[in-house]
Structure formats: structure tokens, C-alpha cells
Amino acid sequence: MKFILSNGEQLREKLERFPFPAEFHWKFLVAKILVAAVVDEDNVVAACGVRNVLNQVTWHVREGYRGQGIGKQVLEKTIRAARERNLSFLMGTVAFDNAPSLHVTSKVGFRMLVQLKESGLVFLMCPLSLRGELAYTLLHVICPRLPNALLERIAGLVEKRIAAESGQSPALAAETERVDQKLRLSS
């Protein structure tokens, strides 16, 4: 297995052959940092991308490759690349019933900020510098004191705005649908 460090645009062709859930496709395509785990030269089995100004991390490991430490490796390599690019922190969300992802993220340095009850998500942050540590400390103190309904609303608005601004344009949406259809036909 080898790991490729690039960005979503440069790995577009390899990503088209990666059978991951549809909601990940555009997130990987607009990633400013993307680490892909590849076997047999073109077979992407896992990917981890960082996108937008909030440095949101999205990762996915294909079934059949889970439980082998690949997710941890792509997260570690993504964190290393983010540090090399002087990012202060990474943000992520995990479903609170996804124990394997919560375990892996805690092992590589992510810390819980807040759990959103209605959506079932845990917001995580991985500080990468002193500035990141300060941001984490501030958010860790503020977020639990805010009403959960307000946090849910803010999270939804932020996600919609980021999707609109960071590339989920009609053209990219059409491209996502084309690739999803191609993957459905090939399975």
C-alpha cells in the first residue's frame, strides 16, 4: 500500500474510481489537502481530505479495509501535511454511535468540543499549534454553555454556506452525480 499526498483536483481521476458514499465525493474533490491510500496503483481504499477555512476533515475507509489501521494512517498523514502547511487546527464531525471513528480520532489527537443531540454528531478539533490550542480552549469553554438547538442550527448553516462557497456549484453537483451514477453502474 502506498499513500499519495495531493489535493482533490489533482486526484480527480483516482477519486472517480473510489466507491465511497455520495456525500463524500464533492468534499474530497474540493480538498486542499488530500491523502489517499492506494493498492495496486489505482485502487483507492481510503482517503482523508481537509477543506475550507475551517479546515474540516472528511475521511472514509472502504469496507473490507476497515480495522487494519488504514484510517489511522491516513489521518496521521493528513495531520502531518496540515502541520507542514502551518494550519493551526483541524475540525471534524463523527456520529456519536461510530465508536471506531471516535477511537481513531482520539488516538491521533482530536478532542471533543460538543455533542449535538438532535443530529447525533460529535464535533471534534485537533489543535496543531499554540494558536490551535487557544482556539480549542475557547471553543471547549463556550460550546457546552450554548443551547444545543442553537449549535445544531449554526452547524447546519455553516455546512450549507461552506458547500455553496467551496465548490458545491451546479457544475460540481452534476459531476458528483455523474461519478455516482458511474459507480452504481459498475457495482
C-alpha atoms as a PDB file:
ATOM      1  CA  MET A   1       0.000   0.000   0.000  1.00  0.00           C
ATOM      2  CA  LYS A   2       1.193   3.476  -0.762  1.00  0.00           C
ATOM      3  CA  PHE A   3      -0.078   6.866   0.315  1.00  0.00           C
ATOM      4  CA  ILE A   4      -0.481   9.779  -2.069  1.00  0.00           C
ATOM      5  CA  LEU A   5      -0.497  13.356  -0.779  1.00  0.00           C
ATOM      6  CA  SER A   6      -2.094  15.896  -3.084  1.00  0.00           C
ATOM      7  CA  ASN A   7      -5.364  17.799  -3.363  1.00  0.00           C
ATOM      8  CA  GLY A   8      -8.798  16.858  -4.657  1.00  0.00           C
ATOM      9  CA  GLU A   9      -8.411  18.397  -8.083  1.00  0.00           C
ATOM     10  CA  GLN A  10      -5.117  16.633  -8.790  1.00  0.00           C
ATOM     11  CA  LEU A  11      -6.517  13.266  -7.693  1.00  0.00           C
ATOM     12  CA  ARG A  12      -9.859  13.655  -9.505  1.00  0.00           C
ATOM     13  CA  GLU A  13      -9.280  10.675 -11.806  1.00  0.00           C
ATOM     14  CA  LYS A  14      -8.367   8.294  -8.972  1.00  0.00           C
ATOM     15  CA  LEU A  15     -11.298   9.555  -6.892  1.00  0.00           C
ATOM     16  CA  GLU A  16     -13.731   8.699  -9.672  1.00  0.00           C
ATOM     17  CA  ARG A  17     -12.857   5.031  -9.180  1.00  0.00           C
ATOM     18  CA  PHE A  18     -13.192   5.190  -5.389  1.00  0.00           C
ATOM     19  CA  PRO A  19     -16.602   3.740  -4.360  1.00  0.00           C
ATOM     20  CA  PHE A  20     -17.325   5.921  -1.347  1.00  0.00           C
ATOM     21  CA  PRO A  21     -20.708   7.268  -0.234  1.00  0.00           C
ATOM     22  CA  ALA A  22     -22.052  10.108  -2.397  1.00  0.00           C
ATOM     23  CA  GLU A  23     -21.864  12.747   0.345  1.00  0.00           C
ATOM     24  CA  PHE A  24     -18.058  12.416   0.390  1.00  0.00           C
ATOM     25  CA  HIS A  25     -17.445  12.936  -3.324  1.00  0.00           C
ATOM     26  CA  TRP A  26     -17.546  16.739  -3.516  1.00  0.00           C
ATOM     27  CA  LYS A  27     -15.810  17.040  -0.132  1.00  0.00           C
ATOM     28  CA  PHE A  28     -12.814  15.115  -1.466  1.00  0.00           C
ATOM     29  CA  LEU A  29     -12.826  16.962  -4.808  1.00  0.00           C
ATOM     30  CA  VAL A  30     -12.536  20.388  -3.126  1.00  0.00           C
ATOM     31  CA  ALA A  31      -9.954  19.240  -0.551  1.00  0.00           C
ATOM     32  CA  LYS A  32      -6.902  21.489  -0.247  1.00  0.00           C
ATOM     33  CA  ILE A  33      -5.070  18.557   1.344  1.00  0.00           C
ATOM     34  CA  LEU A  34      -5.934  15.006   0.346  1.00  0.00           C
ATOM     35  CA  VAL A  35      -4.229  11.806   1.432  1.00  0.00           C
ATOM     36  CA  ALA A  36      -5.249   8.666  -0.439  1.00  0.00           C
ATOM     37  CA  ALA A  37      -4.299   5.098   0.474  1.00  0.00           C
ATOM     38  CA  VAL A  38      -3.801   3.183  -2.757  1.00  0.00           C
ATOM     39  CA  VAL A  39      -3.251  -0.502  -3.513  1.00  0.00           C
ATOM     40  CA  ASP A  40      -2.479  -1.900  -6.969  1.00  0.00           C
ATOM     41  CA  GLU A  41      -1.503   1.574  -8.295  1.00  0.00           C
ATOM     42  CA  ASP A  42      -5.067   2.843  -8.917  1.00  0.00           C
ATOM     43  CA  ASN A  43      -7.273   1.234  -6.282  1.00  0.00           C
ATOM     44  CA  VAL A  44      -8.038   3.896  -3.646  1.00  0.00           C
ATOM     45  CA  VAL A  45      -9.071   2.137  -0.444  1.00  0.00           C
ATOM     46  CA  ALA A  46      -9.151   5.140   1.907  1.00  0.00           C
ATOM     47  CA  ALA A  47      -8.988   8.908   1.719  1.00  0.00           C
ATOM     48  CA  CYS A  48      -8.785  11.833   4.105  1.00  0.00           C
ATOM     49  CA  GLY A  49      -9.272  15.416   2.961  1.00  0.00           C
ATOM     50  CA  VAL A  50      -9.111  18.878   4.503  1.00  0.00           C
ATOM     51  CA  ARG A  51     -11.349  21.555   3.035  1.00  0.00           C
ATOM     52  CA  ASN A  52     -12.415  25.179   3.541  1.00  0.00           C
ATOM     53  CA  VAL A  53     -11.384  27.859   6.013  1.00  0.00           C
ATOM     54  CA  LEU A  54     -12.491  25.765   8.983  1.00  0.00           C
ATOM     55  CA  ASN A  55     -10.079  23.007   7.930  1.00  0.00           C
ATOM     56  CA  GLN A  56     -12.860  20.443   8.026  1.00  0.00           C
ATOM     57  CA  VAL A  57     -11.601  16.888   7.792  1.00  0.00           C
ATOM     58  CA  THR A  58     -13.520  14.175   5.959  1.00  0.00           C
ATOM     59  CA  TRP A  59     -12.278  10.596   5.839  1.00  0.00           C
ATOM     60  CA  HIS A  60     -13.552   7.277   4.620  1.00  0.00           C
ATOM     61  CA  VAL A  61     -12.165   3.737   4.505  1.00  0.00           C
ATOM     62  CA  ARG A  62     -13.737   1.228   2.143  1.00  0.00           C
ATOM     63  CA  GLU A  63     -15.406  -1.818   3.622  1.00  0.00           C
ATOM     64  CA  GLY A  64     -13.043  -4.752   3.539  1.00  0.00           C
ATOM     65  CA  TYR A  65     -10.152  -2.474   4.536  1.00  0.00           C
ATOM     66  CA  ARG A  66     -11.516  -1.322   7.896  1.00  0.00           C
ATOM     67  CA  GLY A  67      -9.985  -2.446  11.174  1.00  0.00           C
ATOM     68  CA  GLN A  68      -6.481  -2.661   9.671  1.00  0.00           C
ATOM     69  CA  GLY A  69      -5.157   0.716  10.827  1.00  0.00           C
ATOM     70  CA  ILE A  70      -5.522   2.358   7.406  1.00  0.00           C
ATOM     71  CA  GLY A  71      -7.880   5.055   8.702  1.00  0.00           C
ATOM     72  CA  LYS A  72      -5.409   5.951  11.432  1.00  0.00           C
ATOM     73  CA  GLN A  73      -2.591   6.127   8.895  1.00  0.00           C
ATOM     74  CA  VAL A  74      -4.445   8.459   6.502  1.00  0.00           C
ATOM     75  CA  LEU A  75      -5.462  10.684   9.435  1.00  0.00           C
ATOM     76  CA  GLU A  76      -1.869  10.818  10.744  1.00  0.00           C
ATOM     77  CA  LYS A  77      -0.507  11.659   7.293  1.00  0.00           C
ATOM     78  CA  THR A  78      -3.175  14.336   6.838  1.00  0.00           C
ATOM     79  CA  ILE A  79      -2.311  15.874  10.212  1.00  0.00           C
ATOM     80  CA  ARG A  80       1.397  15.867   9.291  1.00  0.00           C
ATOM     81  CA  ALA A  81       0.618  17.596   5.953  1.00  0.00           C
ATOM     82  CA  ALA A  82      -1.586  20.167   7.734  1.00  0.00           C
ATOM     83  CA  ARG A  83       1.226  20.973  10.187  1.00  0.00           C
ATOM     84  CA  GLU A  84       3.695  21.346   7.303  1.00  0.00           C
ATOM     85  CA  ARG A  85       1.279  23.870   5.750  1.00  0.00           C
ATOM     86  CA  ASN A  86       1.077  25.750   9.066  1.00  0.00           C
ATOM     87  CA  LEU A  87      -2.608  25.098   9.706  1.00  0.00           C
ATOM     88  CA  SER A  88      -3.482  25.837  13.337  1.00  0.00           C
ATOM     89  CA  PHE A  89      -6.175  23.184  13.774  1.00  0.00           C
ATOM     90  CA  LEU A  90      -8.396  20.646  12.053  1.00  0.00           C
ATOM     91  CA  MET A  91     -12.132  20.237  12.660  1.00  0.00           C
ATOM     92  CA  GLY A  92     -14.212  17.112  12.203  1.00  0.00           C
ATOM     93  CA  THR A  93     -17.538  15.515  12.981  1.00  0.00           C
ATOM     94  CA  VAL A  94     -18.291  11.900  13.823  1.00  0.00           C
ATOM     95  CA  ALA A  95     -21.607  10.227  14.560  1.00  0.00           C
ATOM     96  CA  PHE A  96     -21.605   9.576  18.297  1.00  0.00           C
ATOM     97  CA  ASP A  97     -22.552   5.930  17.683  1.00  0.00           C
ATOM     98  CA  ASN A  98     -19.476   5.410  15.466  1.00  0.00           C
ATOM     99  CA  ALA A  99     -17.167   4.053  18.158  1.00  0.00           C
ATOM    100  CA  PRO A 100     -14.337   3.018  15.764  1.00  0.00           C
ATOM    101  CA  SER A 101     -14.050   6.552  14.290  1.00  0.00           C
ATOM    102  CA  LEU A 102     -14.250   8.190  17.709  1.00  0.00           C
ATOM    103  CA  HIS A 103     -11.491   5.866  18.942  1.00  0.00           C
ATOM    104  CA  VAL A 104      -9.200   6.535  15.966  1.00  0.00           C
ATOM    105  CA  THR A 105      -9.685  10.301  16.064  1.00  0.00           C
ATOM    106  CA  SER A 106      -8.862  10.419  19.784  1.00  0.00           C
ATOM    107  CA  LYS A 107      -5.695   8.357  19.145  1.00  0.00           C
ATOM    108  CA  VAL A 108      -4.401  10.846  16.544  1.00  0.00           C
ATOM    109  CA  GLY A 109      -5.095  13.997  18.580  1.00  0.00           C
ATOM    110  CA  PHE A 110      -8.702  15.049  18.013  1.00  0.00           C
ATOM    111  CA  ARG A 111     -10.595  16.235  21.087  1.00  0.00           C
ATOM    112  CA  MET A 112     -14.335  16.550  21.600  1.00  0.00           C
ATOM    113  CA  LEU A 113     -15.806  20.042  21.526  1.00  0.00           C
ATOM    114  CA  VAL A 114     -19.507  19.290  21.826  1.00  0.00           C
ATOM    115  CA  GLN A 115     -22.080  16.585  21.128  1.00  0.00           C
ATOM    116  CA  LEU A 116     -25.159  17.627  19.164  1.00  0.00           C
ATOM    117  CA  LYS A 117     -28.075  15.543  20.403  1.00  0.00           C
ATOM    118  CA  GLU A 118     -30.531  16.045  17.538  1.00  0.00           C
ATOM    119  CA  SER A 119     -28.113  15.321  14.675  1.00  0.00           C
ATOM    120  CA  GLY A 120     -26.203  12.689  16.636  1.00  0.00           C
ATOM    121  CA  LEU A 121     -22.862  14.271  15.792  1.00  0.00           C
ATOM    122  CA  VAL A 122     -19.797  14.911  17.902  1.00  0.00           C
ATOM    123  CA  PHE A 123     -17.759  17.972  16.880  1.00  0.00           C
ATOM    124  CA  LEU A 124     -14.035  17.397  17.204  1.00  0.00           C
ATOM    125  CA  MET A 125     -10.964  19.581  16.973  1.00  0.00           C
ATOM    126  CA  CYS A 126      -7.304  18.686  16.553  1.00  0.00           C
ATOM    127  CA  PRO A 127      -5.070  21.580  17.642  1.00  0.00           C
ATOM    128  CA  LEU A 128      -1.835  21.710  15.624  1.00  0.00           C
ATOM    129  CA  SER A 129      -0.160  24.778  17.126  1.00  0.00           C
ATOM    130  CA  LEU A 130      -0.359  27.155  20.060  1.00  0.00           C
ATOM    131  CA  ARG A 131      -2.986  29.151  18.143  1.00  0.00           C
ATOM    132  CA  GLY A 132      -4.953  25.931  17.661  1.00  0.00           C
ATOM    133  CA  GLU A 133      -4.675  25.114  21.375  1.00  0.00           C
ATOM    134  CA  LEU A 134      -6.020  28.565  22.225  1.00  0.00           C
ATOM    135  CA  ALA A 135      -8.912  28.190  19.760  1.00  0.00           C
ATOM    136  CA  TYR A 136      -9.728  24.746  21.192  1.00  0.00           C
ATOM    137  CA  THR A 137      -9.683  26.062  24.774  1.00  0.00           C
ATOM    138  CA  LEU A 138     -12.007  28.940  23.867  1.00  0.00           C
ATOM    139  CA  LEU A 139     -14.464  26.730  21.950  1.00  0.00           C
ATOM    140  CA  HIS A 140     -14.303  23.980  24.581  1.00  0.00           C
ATOM    141  CA  VAL A 141     -15.414  26.511  27.212  1.00  0.00           C
ATOM    142  CA  ILE A 142     -18.070  28.264  25.083  1.00  0.00           C
ATOM    143  CA  CYS A 143     -19.762  25.437  23.129  1.00  0.00           C
ATOM    144  CA  PRO A 144     -21.098  23.409  26.077  1.00  0.00           C
ATOM    145  CA  ARG A 145     -22.686  26.556  27.517  1.00  0.00           C
ATOM    146  CA  LEU A 146     -24.727  27.278  24.379  1.00  0.00           C
ATOM    147  CA  PRO A 147     -28.160  25.717  23.850  1.00  0.00           C
ATOM    148  CA  ASN A 148     -27.910  22.541  21.761  1.00  0.00           C
ATOM    149  CA  ALA A 149     -30.635  23.768  19.387  1.00  0.00           C
ATOM    150  CA  LEU A 150     -28.576  26.881  18.618  1.00  0.00           C
ATOM    151  CA  LEU A 151     -25.461  24.797  17.957  1.00  0.00           C
ATOM    152  CA  GLU A 152     -27.453  22.480  15.654  1.00  0.00           C
ATOM    153  CA  ARG A 153     -28.741  25.494  13.704  1.00  0.00           C
ATOM    154  CA  ILE A 154     -25.284  27.071  13.433  1.00  0.00           C
ATOM    155  CA  ALA A 155     -23.758  23.764  12.282  1.00  0.00           C
ATOM    156  CA  GLY A 156     -26.393  23.376   9.578  1.00  0.00           C
ATOM    157  CA  LEU A 157     -25.967  26.936   8.329  1.00  0.00           C
ATOM    158  CA  VAL A 158     -22.182  26.667   8.299  1.00  0.00           C
ATOM    159  CA  GLU A 159     -22.293  23.404   6.337  1.00  0.00           C
ATOM    160  CA  LYS A 160     -24.693  24.879   3.756  1.00  0.00           C
ATOM    161  CA  ARG A 161     -22.636  28.028   3.346  1.00  0.00           C
ATOM    162  CA  ILE A 162     -19.370  26.114   3.038  1.00  0.00           C
ATOM    163  CA  ALA A 163     -20.891  23.759   0.488  1.00  0.00           C
ATOM    164  CA  ALA A 164     -22.047  26.745  -1.576  1.00  0.00           C
ATOM    165  CA  GLU A 165     -18.752  28.639  -1.300  1.00  0.00           C
ATOM    166  CA  SER A 166     -16.231  25.829  -1.514  1.00  0.00           C
ATOM    167  CA  GLY A 167     -17.297  24.278  -4.726  1.00  0.00           C
ATOM    168  CA  GLN A 168     -20.646  22.537  -4.480  1.00  0.00           C
ATOM    169  CA  SER A 169     -21.605  24.526  -7.544  1.00  0.00           C
ATOM    170  CA  PRO A 170     -24.151  23.238 -10.061  1.00  0.00           C
ATOM    171  CA  ALA A 171     -21.250  22.040 -12.241  1.00  0.00           C
ATOM    172  CA  LEU A 172     -19.643  20.157  -9.362  1.00  0.00           C
ATOM    173  CA  ALA A 173     -23.022  18.767  -8.281  1.00  0.00           C
ATOM    174  CA  ALA A 174     -23.523  17.464 -11.845  1.00  0.00           C
ATOM    175  CA  GLU A 175     -20.019  15.966 -11.814  1.00  0.00           C
ATOM    176  CA  THR A 176     -20.739  14.318  -8.459  1.00  0.00           C
ATOM    177  CA  GLU A 177     -23.962  12.826  -9.818  1.00  0.00           C
ATOM    178  CA  ARG A 178     -22.165  11.597 -12.975  1.00  0.00           C
ATOM    179  CA  VAL A 179     -19.490   9.826 -10.929  1.00  0.00           C
ATOM    180  CA  ASP A 180     -22.076   8.410  -8.507  1.00  0.00           C
ATOM    181  CA  GLN A 181     -24.076   7.031 -11.424  1.00  0.00           C
ATOM    182  CA  LYS A 182     -20.919   5.553 -12.968  1.00  0.00           C
ATOM    183  CA  LEU A 183     -20.087   3.862  -9.647  1.00  0.00           C
ATOM    184  CA  ARG A 184     -23.631   2.499  -9.296  1.00  0.00           C
ATOM    185  CA  LEU A 185     -23.456   1.022 -12.808  1.00  0.00           C
ATOM    186  CA  SER A 186     -20.080  -0.604 -12.169  1.00  0.00           C
ATOM    187  CA  SER A 187     -21.148  -2.273  -8.899  1.00  0.00           C
END
